[in-house]
Protein backbone atom coordinates (compact mmCIF):
# COMPACT_ATOMS: atom_id res chain seq x y z
CA MET A 1 -9.38 -21.25 -20.92
CA GLU A 2 -7.22 -21.62 -17.87
CA SER A 3 -5.97 -24.41 -15.62
CA GLU A 4 -3.25 -24.78 -13.00
CA ARG A 5 -0.92 -26.09 -15.71
CA ILE A 6 -1.81 -24.16 -18.86
CA ALA A 7 -2.94 -20.61 -19.64
CA VAL A 8 -4.58 -19.70 -22.93
CA SER A 9 -5.28 -16.32 -24.47
CA VAL A 10 -6.66 -15.53 -27.93
CA GLU A 11 -6.18 -12.30 -29.86
CA ASP A 12 -6.76 -11.56 -33.55
CA GLY A 13 -7.02 -15.21 -34.49
CA VAL A 14 -3.86 -16.27 -32.62
CA ALA A 15 -4.06 -18.46 -29.52
CA HIS A 16 -1.15 -18.32 -27.07
CA VAL A 17 -0.84 -21.48 -24.97
CA GLU A 18 1.55 -21.11 -22.04
CA LEU A 19 2.93 -23.78 -19.72
CA ILE A 20 2.61 -22.19 -16.28
CA ARG A 21 3.97 -24.68 -13.74
CA GLU A 22 7.07 -22.57 -13.12
CA PRO A 23 7.91 -23.87 -9.58
CA LYS A 24 8.29 -27.36 -11.11
CA LEU A 25 10.03 -26.11 -14.27
CA ASN A 26 6.84 -26.91 -16.21
CA ALA A 27 7.27 -30.62 -15.49
CA MET A 28 4.43 -32.69 -16.89
CA ASP A 29 2.09 -34.59 -14.57
CA GLY A 30 -1.36 -36.07 -15.06
CA ALA A 31 -3.07 -32.71 -14.73
CA PHE A 32 -0.76 -31.29 -17.39
CA PHE A 33 -1.47 -34.04 -19.93
CA SER A 34 -5.20 -33.77 -19.32
CA ALA A 35 -5.16 -29.98 -19.74
CA LEU A 36 -2.94 -30.09 -22.83
CA GLY A 37 -5.09 -32.59 -24.70
CA LYS A 38 -8.33 -30.77 -23.87
CA THR A 39 -6.83 -27.41 -24.79
CA PHE A 40 -5.63 -28.39 -28.25
CA ARG A 41 -8.76 -30.35 -29.09
CA ARG A 42 -10.80 -27.29 -28.17
CA LEU A 43 -8.57 -24.85 -30.06
CA GLY A 44 -8.69 -27.09 -33.12
CA SER A 45 -12.47 -26.85 -33.18
CA GLU A 46 -12.79 -23.09 -32.63
CA GLY A 47 -13.25 -21.24 -35.89
CA GLN A 48 -11.84 -17.95 -34.56
CA VAL A 49 -8.43 -19.56 -33.91
CA ARG A 50 -6.19 -19.64 -36.99
CA ALA A 51 -2.74 -20.26 -35.50
CA THR A 52 -1.34 -21.17 -32.09
CA LEU A 53 1.85 -20.29 -30.23
CA LEU A 54 3.09 -22.65 -27.50
CA SER A 55 5.56 -21.32 -24.91
CA GLY A 56 6.60 -21.86 -21.31
CA ARG A 57 6.92 -19.45 -18.42
CA GLY A 58 9.82 -19.46 -15.99
CA LYS A 59 13.40 -20.65 -16.30
CA HIS A 60 12.84 -23.47 -18.79
CA PHE A 61 10.35 -24.41 -21.49
CA THR A 62 9.86 -27.73 -19.70
CA ALA A 63 11.85 -30.20 -17.63
CA GLY A 64 9.83 -33.00 -19.23
CA LEU A 65 7.92 -35.72 -17.42
CA ASP A 66 7.38 -35.14 -13.71
CA LEU A 67 9.37 -38.05 -12.26
CA GLU A 68 7.38 -38.10 -9.02
CA TYR A 69 4.22 -38.48 -11.07
CA ALA A 70 5.83 -41.18 -13.22
CA ALA A 71 7.04 -43.14 -10.20
CA GLY A 72 3.51 -43.21 -8.84
CA GLN A 73 2.25 -44.90 -12.01
CA PHE A 74 4.47 -47.98 -11.74
CA GLY A 75 3.94 -49.41 -8.27
CA PRO A 76 3.98 -53.11 -7.35
CA ALA A 77 1.16 -55.21 -8.75
CA THR A 78 -0.33 -58.53 -7.74
CA ASP A 79 -1.15 -59.43 -11.35
CA PRO A 80 1.61 -58.52 -13.86
CA GLY A 81 -0.68 -59.05 -16.85
CA ARG A 82 -3.36 -56.67 -15.60
CA ALA A 83 -0.70 -54.15 -14.57
CA ALA A 84 0.81 -54.27 -18.06
CA GLU A 85 -2.59 -53.71 -19.66
CA ALA A 86 -3.20 -50.71 -17.40
CA ARG A 87 0.23 -49.25 -18.23
CA LEU A 88 -0.47 -49.66 -21.93
CA ARG A 89 -3.75 -47.75 -21.65
CA HIS A 90 -2.02 -45.04 -19.62
CA VAL A 91 0.77 -44.58 -22.20
CA HIS A 92 -1.84 -44.38 -24.97
CA TRP A 93 -3.61 -41.65 -22.99
CA LEU A 94 -0.35 -39.70 -22.63
CA GLN A 95 0.38 -40.11 -26.34
CA ASP A 96 -3.07 -38.86 -27.26
CA SER A 97 -2.35 -35.55 -25.51
CA PHE A 98 0.56 -34.84 -27.87
CA THR A 99 -1.30 -36.24 -30.87
CA ALA A 100 -3.92 -33.55 -30.16
CA VAL A 101 -1.18 -31.00 -30.84
CA ALA A 102 -0.06 -32.69 -34.05
CA GLU A 103 -3.64 -33.03 -35.29
CA CYS A 104 -4.84 -29.58 -34.23
CA ARG A 105 -6.60 -28.05 -37.23
CA VAL A 106 -4.38 -24.93 -37.14
CA PRO A 107 -0.57 -24.71 -37.21
CA VAL A 108 1.18 -24.82 -33.82
CA ILE A 109 4.45 -22.92 -33.32
CA ALA A 110 6.66 -23.75 -30.33
CA ALA A 111 8.78 -20.96 -28.82
CA VAL A 112 11.42 -22.76 -26.77
CA HIS A 113 13.73 -21.21 -24.17
CA GLY A 114 16.07 -22.85 -21.71
CA GLY A 115 15.68 -26.58 -21.38
CA CYS A 116 13.38 -28.66 -23.56
CA ILE A 117 13.94 -32.01 -21.93
CA GLY A 118 12.53 -35.51 -22.31
CA ALA A 119 8.81 -35.30 -22.98
CA GLY A 120 9.39 -31.69 -24.02
CA VAL A 121 11.10 -32.97 -27.16
CA ASP A 122 8.09 -35.23 -27.77
CA LEU A 123 5.87 -32.15 -27.44
CA VAL A 124 7.78 -29.81 -29.77
CA SER A 125 8.19 -32.62 -32.30
CA ALA A 126 4.40 -32.65 -32.56
CA CYS A 127 4.34 -28.92 -33.40
CA ASP A 128 4.44 -27.56 -36.94
CA LEU A 129 7.24 -25.03 -36.44
CA ARG A 130 9.81 -24.27 -33.76
CA VAL A 131 11.77 -21.14 -32.83
CA CYS A 132 14.07 -20.90 -29.85
CA SER A 133 16.23 -18.62 -27.73
CA ALA A 134 20.03 -18.73 -27.84
CA ASP A 135 20.13 -20.46 -24.45
CA ALA A 136 17.76 -23.24 -25.48
CA PHE A 137 18.79 -26.88 -25.52
CA PHE A 138 17.01 -30.09 -26.47
CA GLN A 139 17.61 -33.36 -24.66
CA VAL A 140 16.06 -36.77 -25.26
CA ALA A 141 16.69 -37.63 -21.63
CA GLU A 142 14.54 -40.72 -21.16
CA VAL A 143 17.52 -43.08 -21.42
CA ASP A 144 18.95 -41.51 -18.26
CA VAL A 145 15.97 -42.73 -16.25
CA ALA A 146 15.80 -46.14 -17.97
CA ILE A 147 12.76 -45.31 -20.13
CA THR A 148 12.35 -45.71 -23.88
CA ALA A 149 10.93 -42.43 -25.20
CA ASP A 150 7.34 -43.29 -26.01
CA LEU A 151 5.39 -40.07 -26.60
CA GLY A 152 6.40 -39.30 -30.18
CA THR A 153 10.08 -38.35 -30.34
CA LEU A 154 11.15 -41.61 -31.97
CA GLN A 155 8.27 -41.43 -34.45
CA ARG A 156 8.28 -37.71 -35.33
CA LEU A 157 11.80 -36.37 -34.81
CA THR A 158 13.24 -38.46 -37.66
CA TYR A 159 11.07 -36.42 -40.06
CA LEU A 160 12.69 -33.23 -38.78
CA ILE A 161 16.41 -34.03 -38.43
CA PRO A 162 18.69 -36.84 -39.71
CA GLU A 163 17.97 -40.25 -38.24
CA GLY A 164 21.59 -40.76 -37.24
CA VAL A 165 21.41 -37.65 -35.05
CA VAL A 166 18.11 -38.80 -33.55
CA ARG A 167 19.69 -42.15 -32.67
CA GLU A 168 22.69 -40.44 -31.09
CA LEU A 169 20.50 -38.14 -29.01
CA THR A 170 18.27 -41.03 -27.97
CA TYR A 171 21.01 -43.48 -27.06
CA THR A 172 23.29 -41.00 -25.26
CA GLY A 173 20.92 -38.43 -23.76
CA ARG A 174 23.28 -35.61 -24.72
CA ARG A 175 22.11 -32.04 -25.12
CA MET A 176 21.61 -30.40 -28.50
CA ASP A 177 22.15 -26.65 -28.24
CA ALA A 178 20.34 -23.93 -30.18
CA ASP A 179 23.03 -23.54 -32.84
CA GLU A 180 23.01 -27.25 -33.67
CA ALA A 181 19.21 -27.30 -33.69
CA ALA A 182 19.23 -24.44 -36.20
CA ARG A 183 21.94 -26.02 -38.34
CA LEU A 184 19.90 -29.23 -38.57
CA SER A 185 16.66 -27.27 -39.16
CA LEU A 186 14.94 -28.50 -36.01
CA VAL A 187 14.21 -24.82 -35.36
CA ASN A 188 13.38 -22.21 -37.98
CA ARG A 189 15.31 -19.47 -36.23
CA VAL A 190 17.26 -18.65 -33.08
CA LEU A 191 16.55 -15.43 -31.16
CA PRO A 192 18.65 -13.78 -28.45
CA ASP A 193 16.31 -14.56 -25.54
CA ARG A 194 12.90 -15.87 -24.46
CA ALA A 195 11.13 -12.60 -25.24
CA GLY A 196 12.62 -12.58 -28.73
CA ALA A 197 11.58 -16.19 -29.34
CA ILE A 198 8.01 -15.48 -28.28
CA ALA A 199 7.90 -12.32 -30.41
CA ALA A 200 9.17 -14.26 -33.43
CA GLY A 201 6.66 -17.03 -32.80
CA LEU A 202 3.82 -14.53 -32.55
CA GLU A 203 4.94 -12.86 -35.78
CA LEU A 204 4.82 -16.21 -37.57
CA ALA A 205 1.43 -16.99 -36.05
CA ARG A 206 -0.03 -13.64 -37.09
CA THR A 207 1.28 -14.08 -40.63
CA ILE A 208 -0.40 -17.49 -40.83
CA ALA A 209 -3.61 -16.17 -39.25
CA ALA A 210 -3.92 -13.60 -42.05
CA LYS A 211 -4.07 -16.31 -44.72
CA SER A 212 -7.08 -18.32 -45.83
CA PRO A 213 -7.88 -20.60 -42.88
CA LEU A 214 -9.26 -23.18 -45.27
CA ALA A 215 -6.07 -23.27 -47.34
CA VAL A 216 -3.88 -23.48 -44.23
CA ALA A 217 -5.99 -26.25 -42.69
CA GLY A 218 -5.83 -28.15 -45.98
CA ALA A 219 -2.06 -27.76 -46.17
CA LYS A 220 -1.57 -29.09 -42.63
CA LEU A 221 -3.94 -31.97 -43.27
CA SER A 222 -2.10 -32.92 -46.46
CA LEU A 223 1.36 -32.62 -44.89
CA ASN A 224 0.32 -34.83 -41.98
CA TYR A 225 -1.40 -37.33 -44.26
CA SER A 226 1.60 -37.62 -46.58
CA ARG A 227 4.07 -38.61 -43.85
CA GLY A 228 5.09 -42.20 -44.34
CA ARG A 229 2.95 -42.63 -47.45
CA PRO A 230 3.96 -42.84 -51.12
CA VAL A 231 3.92 -39.56 -53.06
CA GLU A 232 1.06 -40.85 -55.20
CA GLU A 233 -1.20 -41.27 -52.16
CA GLY A 234 -0.44 -37.74 -51.01
CA LEU A 235 -1.20 -36.35 -54.46
CA ARG A 236 -4.55 -38.13 -54.57
CA GLN A 237 -5.47 -36.84 -51.12
CA VAL A 238 -4.66 -33.20 -51.87
CA ALA A 239 -6.45 -33.42 -55.22
CA LEU A 240 -9.60 -34.54 -53.43
CA TRP A 241 -9.20 -31.73 -50.90
CA ASN A 242 -8.89 -29.05 -53.56
CA ALA A 243 -11.71 -30.51 -55.62
CA ALA A 244 -13.91 -30.16 -52.57
CA THR A 245 -12.73 -26.74 -51.33
CA LEU A 246 -11.72 -24.57 -54.29
CA GLY A 247 -15.32 -23.49 -54.64
CA SER A 248 -15.15 -21.64 -51.32
CA ALA A 249 -15.36 -17.86 -50.98
CA ASP A 250 -11.70 -17.75 -49.88
CA LEU A 251 -10.37 -18.14 -53.43
CA GLY A 252 -12.34 -15.19 -54.74
CA ALA A 253 -11.41 -13.05 -51.73
CA ALA A 254 -7.70 -13.87 -52.13
CA LEU A 255 -7.67 -13.15 -55.87
CA GLN A 256 -9.55 -9.88 -55.45
CA ALA A 257 -7.14 -8.78 -52.72
CA ARG A 258 -4.13 -9.51 -54.93
CA LEU A 259 -5.63 -7.55 -57.81
CA SER A 260 -6.50 -4.55 -55.61
CA ARG A 261 -3.30 -4.84 -53.54
CA SER A 262 -5.31 -4.98 -50.33
CA GLN A 263 -5.49 -7.37 -47.36
CA ALA A 264 -7.96 -10.20 -47.90
CA GLN A 265 -10.57 -10.83 -45.24
CA PHE A 266 -11.56 -14.45 -44.66
CA LYS A 267 -14.45 -15.89 -42.69
CA PRO A 268 -13.66 -18.22 -39.76
CA LEU A 269 -13.88 -21.94 -40.29
CA ASP A 270 -16.99 -23.66 -39.02
CA GLU A 271 -16.90 -25.02 -35.49
């Protein structure tokens, strides 16, 4: 699975998705959004994939939205109403690319280095876990180009860090460095450099990939479902999930492995 914007490799149940538009600092254009959405929808349906690492090549994780691409989407229009309707559909399409990450059947771990700017924050907010290098910084930069962040930061980041901090970042466009991101638990750990962040991300992904894929998929589904819902609704949902899935072979394999102190082997999920 390869495009001019994204490279994908799969080994031992772990998919590594890399942003590869280094000359443009991995800035996101139409080709990027199309490739990202297709990639994560495909990975979410492949039974051999049990965890995914997302990283960027080059100097920065991503510079965010490609401003030349964005400028080309908002030209003069003869009919303001029709132009507004077209813009709305376009924003929905962009949003769906990041929603594909959030809804991917397997956990997605972002390994961030350098700048994670603008739409990059939207992207990593849609991931399950984040690790970063010591030189990483996060910037909700849309306000600096007179845009309201609209690809998920305002909806997802408040579940990860305090809302007051989200509002400050959003209104001011200031940078959050790696130490602050760790202190506020936006990232799970800070590593010395890009290579260390990727290694840590791969270690997490391999640990997850060794677990029951059915249990992990159920956990992600329940965590996502429970956001913004009363506890009681979340409890009912996970009860239904376990009632339907505890009869799988994974439970027996896991229990037998614990008793024999061996590594359990689980079958891939269906595609």
